Amino acid sequence: MQAQLLITGFGPFAGVEHNPSGELARLLGQRPDCHGCELPVTFRGAAEGLDRELEALGQPPLAILSLGVHPGPGFRLEQRAGGAIVGEREDNEGVTVSSLGLAGPDRETSLDLDALEDALRAAGAMKVRQSRDAGAYVCERTYSHGLQRGAELGIQALFLHVPPGEEQSVGDQLPLVSALVDGLLRQVRS
């Protein structure tokens, strides 16, 4: 089997009945060079789900791209994830990240985010920015775990926050995120 890009997204959670990230991951997973899945919106379950998907692939993916939704307009490329995440917002199981006592180093992607930002803009994304704060919620936990697994496997990892469906429909987001996937694949294959 040819190595693929692993793309993860999330399902609904408190305040977000329709999470475009999960739908985008599933749609992009239909590409022959991608494997997409939806992770649970839980601190433990997202990390465990990512590990299960990595194992199910049978070989390391080309890279890991995790998607999540943020409340603002536009796209946010996350540069880093904190290892010691603190927050009192409950996940879908009623667990807070602070109660887990997660500790570890902050991690950063070494991907060329400027080039990926350019890929989004060239595809028509009007609002794109880079961020150093993945949100101290399940997104940040997933990104930290993805960066850790990426380092262990010798592959790259990235987290992209997408806008809510009310801001931009999944149909309008799909070609933009697909262009980012193309740019990401070019980087990891070169």
Protein backbone atom coordinates (compact mmCIF):
# COMPACT_ATOMS: atom_id res chain seq x y z
CA MET A 1 0.00 0.00 0.00
CA GLN A 2 1.26 3.48 -0.91
CA ALA A 3 1.91 5.83 2.02
CA GLN A 4 -0.82 8.40 2.50
CA LEU A 5 -1.34 11.68 4.30
CA LEU A 6 -3.33 11.05 7.50
CA ILE A 7 -6.02 13.71 7.94
CA THR A 8 -8.04 13.94 11.14
CA GLY A 9 -11.01 16.09 12.07
CA PHE A 10 -13.60 16.20 14.84
CA GLY A 11 -17.31 15.71 15.35
CA PRO A 12 -19.76 17.93 17.25
CA PHE A 13 -19.10 19.34 20.71
CA ALA A 14 -20.72 21.84 23.08
CA GLY A 15 -21.66 24.92 21.10
CA VAL A 16 -20.76 23.35 17.73
CA GLU A 17 -23.51 21.11 16.39
CA HIS A 18 -21.91 20.83 12.94
CA ASN A 19 -18.13 20.58 12.93
CA PRO A 20 -16.78 21.08 9.40
CA SER A 21 -13.38 19.62 10.33
CA GLY A 22 -14.69 16.05 10.55
CA GLU A 23 -16.56 16.34 7.28
CA LEU A 24 -13.51 17.84 5.55
CA ALA A 25 -11.29 15.01 6.85
CA ARG A 26 -13.72 12.39 5.53
CA LEU A 27 -14.06 14.11 2.13
CA LEU A 28 -10.31 14.59 1.72
CA GLY A 29 -9.85 10.97 2.77
CA GLN A 30 -11.50 9.98 -0.51
CA ARG A 31 -8.37 11.12 -2.34
CA PRO A 32 -6.04 8.19 -3.14
CA ASP A 33 -3.14 9.98 -1.44
CA CYS A 34 -5.06 10.63 1.80
CA HIS A 35 -6.65 8.72 4.66
CA GLY A 36 -9.28 10.72 6.56
CA CYS A 37 -11.02 10.06 9.86
CA GLU A 38 -13.03 11.75 12.58
CA LEU A 39 -11.68 11.72 16.13
CA PRO A 40 -13.82 12.06 19.26
CA VAL A 41 -13.84 15.45 20.98
CA THR A 42 -12.24 14.09 24.14
CA PHE A 43 -8.76 14.63 25.50
CA ARG A 44 -8.08 10.91 25.91
CA GLY A 45 -10.09 9.64 22.96
CA ALA A 46 -8.56 11.97 20.37
CA ALA A 47 -5.01 10.88 21.20
CA GLU A 48 -6.03 7.21 21.34
CA GLY A 49 -7.93 7.57 18.06
CA LEU A 50 -4.93 9.13 16.35
CA ASP A 51 -2.77 6.23 17.54
CA ARG A 52 -5.34 3.69 16.25
CA GLU A 53 -5.42 5.37 12.83
CA LEU A 54 -1.61 5.40 12.64
CA GLU A 55 -1.52 1.71 13.50
CA ALA A 56 -4.31 0.86 11.02
CA LEU A 57 -2.32 2.40 8.16
CA GLY A 58 0.28 -0.34 8.57
CA GLN A 59 3.12 2.04 7.74
CA PRO A 60 3.93 5.61 8.70
CA PRO A 61 1.89 8.17 6.75
CA LEU A 62 3.59 10.84 4.67
CA ALA A 63 2.55 13.34 7.35
CA ILE A 64 -0.27 14.07 9.80
CA LEU A 65 -2.71 16.91 9.12
CA SER A 66 -5.18 17.55 11.91
CA LEU A 67 -8.16 19.82 11.36
CA GLY A 68 -10.31 21.56 13.94
CA VAL A 69 -12.85 24.35 13.97
CA HIS A 70 -12.29 27.71 15.62
CA PRO A 71 -14.93 30.38 16.28
CA GLY A 72 -13.51 33.04 13.99
CA PRO A 73 -13.50 33.58 10.25
CA GLY A 74 -10.74 32.29 8.03
CA PHE A 75 -8.04 29.67 8.43
CA ARG A 76 -5.42 29.43 11.18
CA LEU A 77 -2.18 27.50 10.62
CA GLU A 78 -0.90 26.45 14.04
CA GLN A 79 2.85 26.77 14.55
CA ARG A 80 3.08 25.10 17.96
CA ALA A 81 1.30 23.07 20.61
CA GLY A 82 1.90 23.31 24.31
CA GLY A 83 2.92 20.15 26.11
CA ALA A 84 1.67 21.25 29.53
CA ILE A 85 -1.89 22.15 28.59
CA VAL A 86 -4.10 23.77 31.22
CA GLY A 87 -7.79 24.55 30.86
CA GLU A 88 -11.12 24.05 32.58
CA ARG A 89 -13.31 23.60 29.49
CA GLU A 90 -14.91 20.16 29.55
CA ASP A 91 -14.65 17.78 26.61
CA ASN A 92 -17.55 15.58 25.43
CA GLU A 93 -16.92 13.23 28.38
CA GLY A 94 -16.97 16.04 30.95
CA VAL A 95 -13.19 15.88 31.48
CA THR A 96 -10.98 18.97 31.69
CA VAL A 97 -7.45 18.95 30.40
CA SER A 98 -6.21 20.31 33.75
CA SER A 99 -7.56 17.21 35.51
CA LEU A 100 -5.31 15.02 33.34
CA GLY A 101 -2.09 16.69 34.48
CA LEU A 102 -0.51 16.56 31.04
CA ALA A 103 3.10 17.63 31.03
CA GLY A 104 5.69 17.66 28.33
CA PRO A 105 7.65 19.96 26.10
CA ASP A 106 6.11 22.50 23.78
CA ARG A 107 6.40 21.27 20.21
CA GLU A 108 6.55 23.11 16.90
CA THR A 109 6.10 22.10 13.32
CA SER A 110 9.10 22.52 11.04
CA LEU A 111 6.93 22.79 7.94
CA ASP A 112 7.15 25.96 5.84
CA LEU A 113 3.95 27.64 7.01
CA ASP A 114 4.53 30.66 4.76
CA ALA A 115 4.33 28.37 1.71
CA LEU A 116 1.21 26.68 3.07
CA GLU A 117 -0.37 30.05 3.76
CA ASP A 118 0.43 31.00 0.16
CA ALA A 119 -1.21 27.78 -1.07
CA LEU A 120 -4.43 28.62 0.79
CA ARG A 121 -4.43 32.20 -0.51
CA ALA A 122 -3.69 31.10 -4.10
CA ALA A 123 -6.71 28.79 -3.91
CA GLY A 124 -8.90 31.72 -2.88
CA ALA A 125 -8.82 31.83 0.92
CA MET A 126 -9.45 35.42 1.92
CA LYS A 127 -8.41 35.21 5.57
CA VAL A 128 -5.38 33.13 6.59
CA ARG A 129 -3.04 33.62 9.52
CA GLN A 130 -0.44 31.78 11.49
CA SER A 131 -0.96 31.21 15.21
CA ARG A 132 1.12 30.11 18.17
CA ASP A 133 -1.91 29.24 20.33
CA ALA A 134 -3.82 26.10 19.36
CA GLY A 135 -6.49 26.83 21.97
CA ALA A 136 -5.82 24.74 25.13
CA TYR A 137 -8.67 22.41 24.21
CA VAL A 138 -8.87 19.06 22.40
CA CYS A 139 -7.31 20.65 19.30
CA GLU A 140 -4.15 21.55 21.18
CA ARG A 141 -4.00 18.14 22.86
CA THR A 142 -4.36 16.44 19.48
CA TYR A 143 -1.72 18.65 17.87
CA SER A 144 0.75 18.06 20.69
CA HIS A 145 0.17 14.31 20.40
CA GLY A 146 0.44 14.43 16.59
CA LEU A 147 3.72 16.34 16.77
CA GLN A 148 5.05 13.83 19.30
CA ARG A 149 4.05 10.84 17.16
CA GLY A 150 5.42 12.59 14.08
CA ALA A 151 8.79 13.05 15.78
CA GLU A 152 8.82 9.37 16.78
CA LEU A 153 7.98 8.28 13.22
CA GLY A 154 10.22 10.81 11.48
CA ILE A 155 7.32 12.60 9.76
CA GLN A 156 5.82 16.08 9.84
CA ALA A 157 2.60 17.13 11.57
CA LEU A 158 0.41 20.19 11.15
CA PHE A 159 -2.81 21.56 12.64
CA LEU A 160 -5.18 23.75 10.66
CA HIS A 161 -8.13 25.50 12.25
CA VAL A 162 -10.97 26.00 9.79
CA PRO A 163 -13.86 28.46 10.10
CA PRO A 164 -17.29 27.38 11.28
CA GLY A 165 -19.74 26.26 8.63
CA GLU A 166 -21.82 29.38 9.27
CA GLU A 167 -18.84 31.49 8.17
CA GLN A 168 -17.92 29.36 5.15
CA SER A 169 -19.61 26.18 3.95
CA VAL A 170 -17.77 22.86 3.79
CA GLY A 171 -18.26 22.94 0.02
CA ASP A 172 -16.44 26.27 -0.16
CA GLN A 173 -13.73 25.17 2.28
CA LEU A 174 -12.99 21.86 0.53
CA PRO A 175 -11.03 23.19 -2.49
CA LEU A 176 -9.04 25.51 -0.22
CA VAL A 177 -8.02 22.78 2.22
CA SER A 178 -7.36 20.46 -0.73
CA ALA A 179 -4.90 23.05 -2.08
CA LEU A 180 -3.22 23.10 1.34
CA VAL A 181 -3.01 19.28 1.21
CA ASP A 182 -1.32 19.53 -2.20
CA GLY A 183 1.19 22.04 -0.82
CA LEU A 184 1.83 19.91 2.25
CA LEU A 185 2.41 16.82 0.13
CA ARG A 186 4.85 18.73 -2.08
CA GLN A 187 6.83 19.73 1.00
CA VAL A 188 7.03 16.27 2.55
CA ARG A 189 7.84 14.55 -0.74
CA SER A 190 10.73 16.89 -1.62
